[in-house]
Amino acid sequence: SRRPDIPKSWGNAGQWLTGAKNSGYEVSNEPAIGAIVVTREGSKYGHVAFLESIDGNMINISEMNYIGWNRISYRTINKNAWIIIGYIY
């Protein structure tokens, strides 16, 4: 809901980077405020979050369904954490 410009046709979260590239969105390994963070979490389906802020090497994200169904949560992780596949702008 934080990025209404994101199409619903990209499939599961793990497919979002490919969907973003195919739709002409910029993707990278560098974080930017407002970007979508794509992670390896969520078993075979992946996981996405919204990048709220950056503090040095740490990023603050908001996400849905990480701590329970239909629940919004916040956490801070390293921008180079192994769980991060990439960022969508």
Protein backbone atom coordinates (compact mmCIF):
# COMPACT_ATOMS: atom_id res chain seq x y z
CA SER A 1 0.00 0.00 0.00
CA ARG A 2 3.00 2.33 0.46
CA ARG A 3 3.87 2.01 -3.23
CA PRO A 4 0.61 2.09 -5.21
CA ASP A 5 2.66 2.32 -8.42
CA ILE A 6 3.74 -1.32 -8.05
CA PRO A 7 1.74 -3.61 -10.38
CA LYS A 8 -0.06 -6.57 -8.87
CA SER A 9 1.13 -8.76 -11.75
CA TRP A 10 4.65 -9.45 -10.46
CA GLY A 11 3.66 -12.62 -8.58
CA ASN A 12 5.19 -13.71 -5.31
CA ALA A 13 7.70 -11.43 -3.58
CA GLY A 14 10.62 -13.53 -4.80
CA GLN A 15 9.65 -12.66 -8.39
CA TRP A 16 9.42 -8.90 -7.84
CA LEU A 17 12.97 -7.99 -8.96
CA THR A 18 12.44 -9.68 -12.32
CA GLY A 19 8.96 -8.16 -12.59
CA ALA A 20 10.36 -4.73 -11.77
CA LYS A 21 13.11 -5.01 -14.41
CA ASN A 22 10.62 -6.21 -17.02
CA SER A 23 8.30 -3.30 -16.17
CA GLY A 24 11.07 -0.72 -16.54
CA TYR A 25 11.69 -0.03 -12.84
CA GLU A 26 15.23 0.59 -11.65
CA VAL A 27 16.70 -2.11 -9.42
CA SER A 28 19.97 -2.10 -7.52
CA ASN A 29 21.93 -3.40 -4.56
CA GLU A 30 22.03 0.09 -3.00
CA PRO A 31 19.22 1.20 -0.69
CA ALA A 32 17.19 4.38 -1.19
CA ILE A 33 14.43 5.77 0.99
CA GLY A 34 11.06 4.72 -0.40
CA ALA A 35 12.48 1.67 -2.18
CA ILE A 36 11.02 -1.81 -1.99
CA VAL A 37 13.41 -4.22 -0.26
CA VAL A 38 13.25 -7.76 -1.67
CA THR A 39 14.50 -10.49 0.69
CA ARG A 40 15.05 -14.25 0.71
CA GLU A 41 12.75 -14.61 3.70
CA GLY A 42 9.32 -16.19 3.43
CA SER A 43 10.46 -19.68 2.38
CA LYS A 44 10.04 -20.22 -1.36
CA TYR A 45 7.89 -17.11 -1.89
CA GLY A 46 10.30 -14.40 -0.73
CA HIS A 47 9.36 -11.27 1.19
CA VAL A 48 9.18 -7.53 0.46
CA ALA A 49 9.32 -4.49 2.72
CA PHE A 50 9.28 -0.70 2.43
CA LEU A 51 12.51 1.18 3.17
CA GLU A 52 11.64 3.94 5.65
CA SER A 53 15.08 5.40 6.42
CA ILE A 54 18.82 4.81 6.25
CA ASP A 55 21.30 5.28 9.09
CA GLY A 56 24.83 4.51 7.92
CA ASN A 57 24.90 0.82 6.97
CA MET A 58 21.56 0.16 8.66
CA ILE A 59 18.16 0.40 7.01
CA ASN A 60 14.83 0.79 8.79
CA ILE A 61 11.97 -1.03 7.11
CA SER A 62 8.26 -1.48 7.56
CA GLU A 63 6.58 -4.66 6.45
CA MET A 64 3.37 -6.62 6.54
CA ASN A 65 2.94 -10.25 7.63
CA TYR A 66 6.50 -10.67 9.00
CA ILE A 67 5.46 -11.16 12.64
CA GLY A 68 1.97 -12.45 11.91
CA TRP A 69 -0.81 -12.37 9.36
CA ASN A 70 -2.10 -8.88 8.57
CA ARG A 71 0.26 -7.22 11.09
CA ILE A 72 2.56 -4.30 10.29
CA SER A 73 5.98 -4.37 11.94
CA TYR A 74 9.24 -2.44 11.83
CA ARG A 75 12.86 -3.55 12.09
CA THR A 76 16.38 -2.43 11.39
CA ILE A 77 18.78 -4.55 9.36
CA ASN A 78 22.16 -4.09 7.74
CA LYS A 79 21.87 -2.86 4.14
CA ASN A 80 24.29 -5.66 3.13
CA ALA A 81 22.54 -8.46 5.04
CA TRP A 82 22.56 -11.81 3.24
CA ILE A 83 18.76 -11.88 3.27
CA ILE A 84 18.51 -8.88 0.92
CA ILE A 85 18.30 -9.75 -2.76
CA GLY A 86 17.92 -6.18 -4.00
CA TYR A 87 16.03 -2.91 -4.02
CA ILE A 88 13.33 -1.62 -6.37
CA TYR A 89 13.01 2.14 -6.91
